C-alpha cells in the first residue's frame, strides 16, 4: 500500500496506468511483470515526480538535459533511475554520462563513443538503447534500419556502455511500426549473437495513446507522461534546448 502522503490524484493515475499495463500484458499472453513503466516527467515540477515516487514509481524519463539536472538536484534524496529519452547533442554527453542511468536516444556512433569515454569508472556501465527511425522520416531523429546492424556492432564493443535494446517513436497510429521494431530486435539478435551477452533485452516503445498496441507487439518498456501526470503546463510548449 502506498504511503498516506501520496496525493490522491497522483496515486489514482499511477494505479490506473499500472492496471492498464497489467491488462495489456495478460491479453498478449505475456508473463506478468515483463513490461516496465517509464514515467515521462518532461515539463513536470519536482513535486509531481516526488508524488509518483512515493506511490512506487522509480524510473523517470526526461527530454531535456538542463531541465533534468535541476530536478536531479531537487530530488537528490530519492532513489530515482533517470532516463534520457530526448535527442542528445555532443556538447551534453559528458554530463549525461555522469548523471543518467539510461539513454534511450543514441542514434550515431559519435555520441556513443563520447558517452563511453566520459562515463566515470566508479559508475556501472551506462545503459543505452539505439533509437530507430522506423518510419524513415527526415524530420525525426534515429538510425535508419539499414544502418542499425553496423551501429549496434560498433556500440557493443564500447567498454563503458551496456547496449540494452532499441527505442522507437513512430508516427501516431502507425502500429505496424511497433511490430517492425520487434522484428528488427529479433533479427539483430540472430545476426549478432554476442548481443545476448549484454543483455539485449529492451524494446522501448509505446506511450499513453498506444501502450496497449506496443505491449501486444512486444514492448518491454512503455514511456507514459500525460496518463500519469495529466496535461503538460501550457507555458512549456515552446521550450527548446541548445
C-alpha atoms as a PDB file:
ATOM      1  CA  UNK A   1       0.000   0.000   0.000  1.00  0.00           C
ATOM      2  CA  UNK A   2       1.285   3.479  -0.858  1.00  0.00           C
ATOM      3  CA  UNK A   3       2.162   5.909   1.936  1.00  0.00           C
ATOM      4  CA  UNK A   4      -0.593   8.185   3.247  1.00  0.00           C
ATOM      5  CA  UNK A   5       1.129  11.337   1.949  1.00  0.00           C
ATOM      6  CA  UNK A   6       0.734  10.414  -1.731  1.00  0.00           C
ATOM      7  CA  UNK A   7      -1.775  12.846  -3.329  1.00  0.00           C
ATOM      8  CA  UNK A   8      -4.985  11.049  -4.282  1.00  0.00           C
ATOM      9  CA  UNK A   9      -4.870  12.152  -7.948  1.00  0.00           C
ATOM     10  CA  UNK A  10      -1.261  11.046  -8.414  1.00  0.00           C
ATOM     11  CA  UNK A  11      -1.880   7.681  -6.821  1.00  0.00           C
ATOM     12  CA  UNK A  12      -5.084   7.106  -8.814  1.00  0.00           C
ATOM     13  CA  UNK A  13      -3.400   7.879 -12.150  1.00  0.00           C
ATOM     14  CA  UNK A  14      -0.388   5.693 -11.349  1.00  0.00           C
ATOM     15  CA  UNK A  15      -2.628   2.798 -10.297  1.00  0.00           C
ATOM     16  CA  UNK A  16      -4.780   3.190 -13.431  1.00  0.00           C
ATOM     17  CA  UNK A  17      -1.768   3.124 -15.762  1.00  0.00           C
ATOM     18  CA  UNK A  18      -0.238   0.168 -13.896  1.00  0.00           C
ATOM     19  CA  UNK A  19      -3.531  -1.732 -14.168  1.00  0.00           C
ATOM     20  CA  UNK A  20      -3.740  -0.907 -17.881  1.00  0.00           C
ATOM     21  CA  UNK A  21      -0.240  -2.300 -18.430  1.00  0.00           C
ATOM     22  CA  UNK A  22      -1.060  -5.465 -16.477  1.00  0.00           C
ATOM     23  CA  UNK A  23      -4.239  -5.973 -18.515  1.00  0.00           C
ATOM     24  CA  UNK A  24      -2.391  -5.496 -21.820  1.00  0.00           C
ATOM     25  CA  UNK A  25       0.334  -7.931 -20.738  1.00  0.00           C
ATOM     26  CA  UNK A  26      -2.279 -10.548 -19.825  1.00  0.00           C
ATOM     27  CA  UNK A  27      -4.205 -10.001 -23.073  1.00  0.00           C
ATOM     28  CA  UNK A  28      -0.991 -10.550 -25.044  1.00  0.00           C
ATOM     29  CA  UNK A  29      -0.304 -13.804 -23.187  1.00  0.00           C
ATOM     30  CA  UNK A  30       2.934 -12.467 -21.789  1.00  0.00           C
ATOM     31  CA  UNK A  31       4.475 -13.031 -18.368  1.00  0.00           C
ATOM     32  CA  UNK A  32       3.391 -10.777 -15.541  1.00  0.00           C
ATOM     33  CA  UNK A  33       5.999  -8.109 -14.846  1.00  0.00           C
ATOM     34  CA  UNK A  34       7.539  -8.314 -18.321  1.00  0.00           C
ATOM     35  CA  UNK A  35       6.781  -4.652 -19.125  1.00  0.00           C
ATOM     36  CA  UNK A  36       8.191  -1.754 -17.116  1.00  0.00           C
ATOM     37  CA  UNK A  37       6.710   1.721 -16.785  1.00  0.00           C
ATOM     38  CA  UNK A  38       8.884   4.757 -17.523  1.00  0.00           C
ATOM     39  CA  UNK A  39       7.236   7.954 -16.263  1.00  0.00           C
ATOM     40  CA  UNK A  40       7.893  10.780 -18.726  1.00  0.00           C
ATOM     41  CA  UNK A  41       8.288  13.818 -16.496  1.00  0.00           C
ATOM     42  CA  UNK A  42       9.194  16.417 -19.129  1.00  0.00           C
ATOM     43  CA  UNK A  43       7.973  19.888 -18.033  1.00  0.00           C
ATOM     44  CA  UNK A  44       6.531  18.468 -14.804  1.00  0.00           C
ATOM     45  CA  UNK A  45       7.595  20.018 -11.481  1.00  0.00           C
ATOM     46  CA  UNK A  46       9.753  18.159  -8.998  1.00  0.00           C
ATOM     47  CA  UNK A  47       6.823  17.887  -6.589  1.00  0.00           C
ATOM     48  CA  UNK A  48       4.861  15.840  -9.141  1.00  0.00           C
ATOM     49  CA  UNK A  49       7.810  13.468  -9.535  1.00  0.00           C
ATOM     50  CA  UNK A  50       8.136  13.185  -5.768  1.00  0.00           C
ATOM     51  CA  UNK A  51       4.448  12.261  -5.510  1.00  0.00           C
ATOM     52  CA  UNK A  52       4.752   9.473  -8.104  1.00  0.00           C
ATOM     53  CA  UNK A  53       7.910   8.185  -6.444  1.00  0.00           C
ATOM     54  CA  UNK A  54       6.017   7.942  -3.156  1.00  0.00           C
ATOM     55  CA  UNK A  55       3.392   5.851  -4.950  1.00  0.00           C
ATOM     56  CA  UNK A  56       6.103   3.406  -6.042  1.00  0.00           C
ATOM     57  CA  UNK A  57       7.493   4.749  -9.337  1.00  0.00           C
ATOM     58  CA  UNK A  58      11.305   4.785  -9.592  1.00  0.00           C
ATOM     59  CA  UNK A  59      12.075   5.269 -13.311  1.00  0.00           C
ATOM     60  CA  UNK A  60      11.630   8.741 -14.798  1.00  0.00           C
ATOM     61  CA  UNK A  61      12.371   9.935 -18.336  1.00  0.00           C
ATOM     62  CA  UNK A  62      13.417  13.458 -19.286  1.00  0.00           C
ATOM     63  CA  UNK A  63      13.794  15.021 -22.734  1.00  0.00           C
ATOM     64  CA  UNK A  64      15.981  17.996 -21.890  1.00  0.00           C
ATOM     65  CA  UNK A  65      19.292  17.700 -20.075  1.00  0.00           C
ATOM     66  CA  UNK A  66      19.289  21.066 -18.303  1.00  0.00           C
ATOM     67  CA  UNK A  67      15.738  20.593 -17.060  1.00  0.00           C
ATOM     68  CA  UNK A  68      16.637  17.128 -15.796  1.00  0.00           C
ATOM     69  CA  UNK A  69      19.726  18.352 -13.935  1.00  0.00           C
ATOM     70  CA  UNK A  70      17.666  20.873 -11.988  1.00  0.00           C
ATOM     71  CA  UNK A  71      15.234  18.146 -10.944  1.00  0.00           C
ATOM     72  CA  UNK A  72      18.065  15.791 -10.011  1.00  0.00           C
ATOM     73  CA  UNK A  73      19.389  18.417  -7.614  1.00  0.00           C
ATOM     74  CA  UNK A  74      15.984  18.989  -6.051  1.00  0.00           C
ATOM     75  CA  UNK A  75      15.235  15.268  -5.751  1.00  0.00           C
ATOM     76  CA  UNK A  76      18.682  14.052  -4.736  1.00  0.00           C
ATOM     77  CA  UNK A  77      17.247  12.386  -1.623  1.00  0.00           C
ATOM     78  CA  UNK A  78      15.202   9.918  -3.728  1.00  0.00           C
ATOM     79  CA  UNK A  79      16.364   6.646  -5.321  1.00  0.00           C
ATOM     80  CA  UNK A  80      15.345   7.607  -8.844  1.00  0.00           C
ATOM     81  CA  UNK A  81      16.678   5.991 -12.026  1.00  0.00           C
ATOM     82  CA  UNK A  82      16.976   8.782 -14.570  1.00  0.00           C
ATOM     83  CA  UNK A  83      16.474   8.071 -18.280  1.00  0.00           C
ATOM     84  CA  UNK A  84      17.246  10.493 -21.105  1.00  0.00           C
ATOM     85  CA  UNK A  85      14.690   9.970 -23.861  1.00  0.00           C
ATOM     86  CA  UNK A  86      15.219  13.121 -25.952  1.00  0.00           C
ATOM     87  CA  UNK A  87      17.829  13.904 -28.616  1.00  0.00           C
ATOM     88  CA  UNK A  88      21.363  14.187 -27.259  1.00  0.00           C
ATOM     89  CA  UNK A  89      23.797  16.791 -28.576  1.00  0.00           C
ATOM     90  CA  UNK A  90      27.553  16.277 -28.489  1.00  0.00           C
ATOM     91  CA  UNK A  91      28.108  19.144 -26.059  1.00  0.00           C
ATOM     92  CA  UNK A  92      25.866  17.466 -23.474  1.00  0.00           C
ATOM     93  CA  UNK A  93      27.361  13.960 -23.475  1.00  0.00           C
ATOM     94  CA  UNK A  94      29.705  14.435 -20.510  1.00  0.00           C
ATOM     95  CA  UNK A  95      27.052  15.474 -18.014  1.00  0.00           C
ATOM     96  CA  UNK A  96      24.694  12.781 -19.325  1.00  0.00           C
ATOM     97  CA  UNK A  97      27.403  10.131 -18.930  1.00  0.00           C
ATOM     98  CA  UNK A  98      27.989  11.332 -15.384  1.00  0.00           C
ATOM     99  CA  UNK A  99      24.411  11.737 -14.176  1.00  0.00           C
ATOM    100  CA  UNK A 100      21.986   9.455 -16.028  1.00  0.00           C
ATOM    101  CA  UNK A 101      21.340   5.729 -15.678  1.00  0.00           C
ATOM    102  CA  UNK A 102      19.868   5.179 -19.153  1.00  0.00           C
ATOM    103  CA  UNK A 103      19.938   6.902 -22.550  1.00  0.00           C
ATOM    104  CA  UNK A 104      17.227   5.778 -24.988  1.00  0.00           C
ATOM    105  CA  UNK A 105      18.104   8.099 -27.861  1.00  0.00           C
ATOM    106  CA  UNK A 106      21.562   7.117 -29.150  1.00  0.00           C
ATOM    107  CA  UNK A 107      21.412   7.238 -32.947  1.00  0.00           C
ATOM    108  CA  UNK A 108      25.030   7.595 -34.104  1.00  0.00           C
ATOM    109  CA  UNK A 109      28.411   6.198 -33.172  1.00  0.00           C
ATOM    110  CA  UNK A 110      29.979   9.558 -32.280  1.00  0.00           C
ATOM    111  CA  UNK A 111      27.512  10.054 -29.439  1.00  0.00           C
ATOM    112  CA  UNK A 112      28.031   6.506 -28.165  1.00  0.00           C
ATOM    113  CA  UNK A 113      31.817   6.874 -28.242  1.00  0.00           C
ATOM    114  CA  UNK A 114      31.663  10.103 -26.244  1.00  0.00           C
ATOM    115  CA  UNK A 115      29.306   8.594 -23.664  1.00  0.00           C
ATOM    116  CA  UNK A 116      31.606   5.603 -23.191  1.00  0.00           C
ATOM    117  CA  UNK A 117      34.742   7.726 -22.885  1.00  0.00           C
ATOM    118  CA  UNK A 118      33.085  10.107 -20.421  1.00  0.00           C
ATOM    119  CA  UNK A 119      31.310   7.559 -18.201  1.00  0.00           C
ATOM    120  CA  UNK A 120      33.035   7.667 -14.768  1.00  0.00           C
ATOM    121  CA  UNK A 121      34.877   4.477 -13.841  1.00  0.00           C
ATOM    122  CA  UNK A 122      33.223   4.295 -10.416  1.00  0.00           C
ATOM    123  CA  UNK A 123      29.769   4.023 -12.001  1.00  0.00           C
ATOM    124  CA  UNK A 124      28.351   0.917 -13.673  1.00  0.00           C
ATOM    125  CA  UNK A 125      28.247   0.950 -17.492  1.00  0.00           C
ATOM    126  CA  UNK A 126      25.636   3.311 -18.891  1.00  0.00           C
ATOM    127  CA  UNK A 127      22.536   1.512 -20.216  1.00  0.00           C
ATOM    128  CA  UNK A 128      21.645   2.663 -23.719  1.00  0.00           C
ATOM    129  CA  UNK A 129      19.097   1.980 -26.423  1.00  0.00           C
ATOM    130  CA  UNK A 130      19.566   2.759 -30.089  1.00  0.00           C
ATOM    131  CA  UNK A 131      16.822   4.982 -31.445  1.00  0.00           C
ATOM    132  CA  UNK A 132      15.469   3.684 -34.737  1.00  0.00           C
ATOM    133  CA  UNK A 133      13.790   5.943 -37.312  1.00  0.00           C
ATOM    134  CA  UNK A 134      11.406   3.184 -38.262  1.00  0.00           C
ATOM    135  CA  UNK A 135       9.273   5.481 -40.463  1.00  0.00           C
ATOM    136  CA  UNK A 136      12.350   6.889 -42.267  1.00  0.00           C
ATOM    137  CA  UNK A 137      11.154  10.451 -41.647  1.00  0.00           C
ATOM    138  CA  UNK A 138      13.670  13.210 -42.463  1.00  0.00           C
ATOM    139  CA  UNK A 139      12.448  15.330 -39.538  1.00  0.00           C
ATOM    140  CA  UNK A 140      12.825  12.584 -36.943  1.00  0.00           C
ATOM    141  CA  UNK A 141      15.941  11.526 -35.056  1.00  0.00           C
ATOM    142  CA  UNK A 142      17.109   7.943 -35.161  1.00  0.00           C
ATOM    143  CA  UNK A 143      19.241   5.488 -37.063  1.00  0.00           C
ATOM    144  CA  UNK A 144      17.688   4.175 -40.268  1.00  0.00           C
ATOM    145  CA  UNK A 145      17.080   0.409 -40.156  1.00  0.00           C
ATOM    146  CA  UNK A 146      19.621  -0.336 -42.904  1.00  0.00           C
ATOM    147  CA  UNK A 147      22.432   1.144 -40.774  1.00  0.00           C
ATOM    148  CA  UNK A 148      21.372  -0.410 -37.476  1.00  0.00           C
ATOM    149  CA  UNK A 149      23.409  -3.631 -37.580  1.00  0.00           C
ATOM    150  CA  UNK A 150      26.680  -1.774 -38.167  1.00  0.00           C
ATOM    151  CA  UNK A 151      25.896   0.730 -35.422  1.00  0.00           C
ATOM    152  CA  UNK A 152      24.948  -1.988 -32.916  1.00  0.00           C
ATOM    153  CA  UNK A 153      28.071  -3.970 -33.724  1.00  0.00           C
ATOM    154  CA  UNK A 154      30.271  -0.941 -33.070  1.00  0.00           C
ATOM    155  CA  UNK A 155      28.442   0.216 -29.928  1.00  0.00           C
ATOM    156  CA  UNK A 156      28.525  -3.179 -28.238  1.00  0.00           C
ATOM    157  CA  UNK A 157      32.333  -3.031 -28.186  1.00  0.00           C
ATOM    158  CA  UNK A 158      32.457   0.228 -26.198  1.00  0.00           C
ATOM    159  CA  UNK A 159      33.645  -0.602 -22.677  1.00  0.00           C
ATOM    160  CA  UNK A 160      31.611   1.836 -20.559  1.00  0.00           C
ATOM    161  CA  UNK A 161      28.259   1.218 -22.240  1.00  0.00           C
ATOM    162  CA  UNK A 162      25.765  -1.610 -21.986  1.00  0.00           C
ATOM    163  CA  UNK A 163      23.679  -1.899 -25.150  1.00  0.00           C
ATOM    164  CA  UNK A 164      20.252  -2.879 -23.846  1.00  0.00           C
ATOM    165  CA  UNK A 165      17.938  -2.592 -26.843  1.00  0.00           C
ATOM    166  CA  UNK A 166      16.050  -0.369 -29.255  1.00  0.00           C
ATOM    167  CA  UNK A 167      13.747   2.638 -28.999  1.00  0.00           C
ATOM    168  CA  UNK A 168      11.218   3.992 -31.456  1.00  0.00           C
ATOM    169  CA  UNK A 169       8.827   6.937 -31.708  1.00  0.00           C
ATOM    170  CA  UNK A 170       6.594   6.020 -34.666  1.00  0.00           C
ATOM    171  CA  UNK A 171       4.063   8.236 -36.367  1.00  0.00           C
ATOM    172  CA  UNK A 172       0.813   8.406 -34.355  1.00  0.00           C
ATOM    173  CA  UNK A 173      -1.359   5.408 -35.157  1.00  0.00           C
ATOM    174  CA  UNK A 174       1.372   3.534 -37.026  1.00  0.00           C
ATOM    175  CA  UNK A 175       1.039   0.274 -35.104  1.00  0.00           C
ATOM    176  CA  UNK A 176       2.811  -1.603 -37.888  1.00  0.00           C
ATOM    177  CA  UNK A 177       5.999   0.211 -36.870  1.00  0.00           C
ATOM    178  CA  UNK A 178       5.769  -1.366 -33.421  1.00  0.00           C
ATOM    179  CA  UNK A 179       5.775  -4.863 -34.867  1.00  0.00           C
ATOM    180  CA  UNK A 180       8.560  -3.835 -37.250  1.00  0.00           C
ATOM    181  CA  UNK A 181      10.787  -2.786 -34.351  1.00  0.00           C
ATOM    182  CA  UNK A 182      10.149  -6.060 -32.537  1.00  0.00           C
ATOM    183  CA  UNK A 183      11.187  -7.951 -35.671  1.00  0.00           C
ATOM    184  CA  UNK A 184      14.249  -5.739 -36.047  1.00  0.00           C
ATOM    185  CA  UNK A 185      15.229  -6.529 -32.453  1.00  0.00           C
ATOM    186  CA  UNK A 186      14.903 -10.274 -33.059  1.00  0.00           C
ATOM    187  CA  UNK A 187      16.809 -10.054 -36.357  1.00  0.00           C
ATOM    188  CA  UNK A 188      19.691  -8.212 -34.683  1.00  0.00           C
ATOM    189  CA  UNK A 189      19.961 -10.891 -32.006  1.00  0.00           C
ATOM    190  CA  UNK A 190      20.122 -13.539 -34.736  1.00  0.00           C
ATOM    191  CA  UNK A 191      22.798 -11.713 -36.729  1.00  0.00           C
ATOM    192  CA  UNK A 192      24.861 -10.559 -33.743  1.00  0.00           C
ATOM    193  CA  UNK A 193      24.747 -13.422 -31.208  1.00  0.00           C
ATOM    194  CA  UNK A 194      27.120 -11.580 -28.857  1.00  0.00           C
ATOM    195  CA  UNK A 195      24.273  -9.144 -28.146  1.00  0.00           C
ATOM    196  CA  UNK A 196      22.668 -11.794 -25.946  1.00  0.00           C
ATOM    197  CA  UNK A 197      25.531 -11.288 -23.508  1.00  0.00           C
ATOM    198  CA  UNK A 198      24.721  -7.583 -22.991  1.00  0.00           C
ATOM    199  CA  UNK A 199      21.771  -8.408 -22.206  1.00  0.00           C
ATOM    200  CA  UNK A 200      19.961  -7.011 -25.238  1.00  0.00           C
ATOM    201  CA  UNK A 201      16.518  -7.215 -23.646  1.00  0.00           C
ATOM    202  CA  UNK A 202      14.772  -3.852 -24.077  1.00  0.00           C
ATOM    203  CA  UNK A 203      12.178  -2.609 -26.553  1.00  0.00           C
ATOM    204  CA  UNK A 204      11.373   0.963 -25.533  1.00  0.00           C
ATOM    205  CA  UNK A 205       8.153   1.745 -27.351  1.00  0.00           C
ATOM    206  CA  UNK A 206       4.602   2.750 -26.555  1.00  0.00           C
ATOM    207  CA  UNK A 207       3.184   5.914 -24.978  1.00  0.00           C
ATOM    208  CA  UNK A 208      -0.092   6.976 -23.369  1.00  0.00           C
ATOM    209  CA  UNK A 209      -2.142   6.571 -26.560  1.00  0.00           C
ATOM    210  CA  UNK A 210      -0.678   3.320 -27.897  1.00  0.00           C
ATOM    211  CA  UNK A 211       0.828   1.402 -24.994  1.00  0.00           C
ATOM    212  CA  UNK A 212      -1.660  -1.461 -25.389  1.00  0.00           C
ATOM    213  CA  UNK A 213      -0.667  -1.994 -29.031  1.00  0.00           C
ATOM    214  CA  UNK A 214       3.014  -1.653 -28.135  1.00  0.00           C
ATOM    215  CA  UNK A 215       2.756  -4.318 -25.444  1.00  0.00           C
ATOM    216  CA  UNK A 216       0.942  -6.627 -27.857  1.00  0.00           C
ATOM    217  CA  UNK A 217       3.823  -6.106 -30.308  1.00  0.00           C
ATOM    218  CA  UNK A 218       6.465  -6.949 -27.694  1.00  0.00           C
ATOM    219  CA  UNK A 219       7.404  -3.739 -25.889  1.00  0.00           C
ATOM    220  CA  UNK A 220       9.274  -4.203 -22.623  1.00  0.00           C
ATOM    221  CA  UNK A 221       9.232  -0.521 -21.588  1.00  0.00           C
ATOM    222  CA  UNK A 222       6.388   1.937 -22.153  1.00  0.00           C
ATOM    223  CA  UNK A 223       7.036   5.672 -21.829  1.00  0.00           C
ATOM    224  CA  UNK A 224       3.985   7.367 -20.313  1.00  0.00           C
ATOM    225  CA  UNK A 225       3.561  11.044 -19.492  1.00  0.00           C
ATOM    226  CA  UNK A 226       0.084  12.506 -19.900  1.00  0.00           C
ATOM    227  CA  UNK A 227      -1.771   9.498 -18.471  1.00  0.00           C
ATOM    228  CA  UNK A 228       0.372   9.740 -15.318  1.00  0.00           C
ATOM    229  CA  UNK A 229       0.734  13.479 -14.795  1.00  0.00           C
ATOM    230  CA  UNK A 230      -2.180  14.980 -16.691  1.00  0.00           C
ATOM    231  CA  UNK A 231      -1.748  17.672 -19.392  1.00  0.00           C
ATOM    232  CA  UNK A 232       1.649  19.356 -19.551  1.00  0.00           C
ATOM    233  CA  UNK A 233       1.842  23.037 -18.492  1.00  0.00           C
ATOM    234  CA  UNK A 234       0.922  25.319 -21.396  1.00  0.00           C
ATOM    235  CA  UNK A 235       3.970  27.536 -20.808  1.00  0.00           C
ATOM    236  CA  UNK A 236       6.259  24.609 -21.582  1.00  0.00           C
ATOM    237  CA  UNK A 237       5.044  24.014 -25.138  1.00  0.00           C
ATOM    238  CA  UNK A 238       7.731  26.143 -26.806  1.00  0.00           C
ATOM    239  CA  UNK A 239      10.712  25.115 -24.693  1.00  0.00           C
ATOM    240  CA  UNK A 240      13.860  24.174 -26.594  1.00  0.00           C
ATOM    241  CA  UNK A 241      17.406  23.343 -25.519  1.00  0.00           C
ATOM    242  CA  UNK A 242      20.609  24.490 -27.178  1.00  0.00           C
END
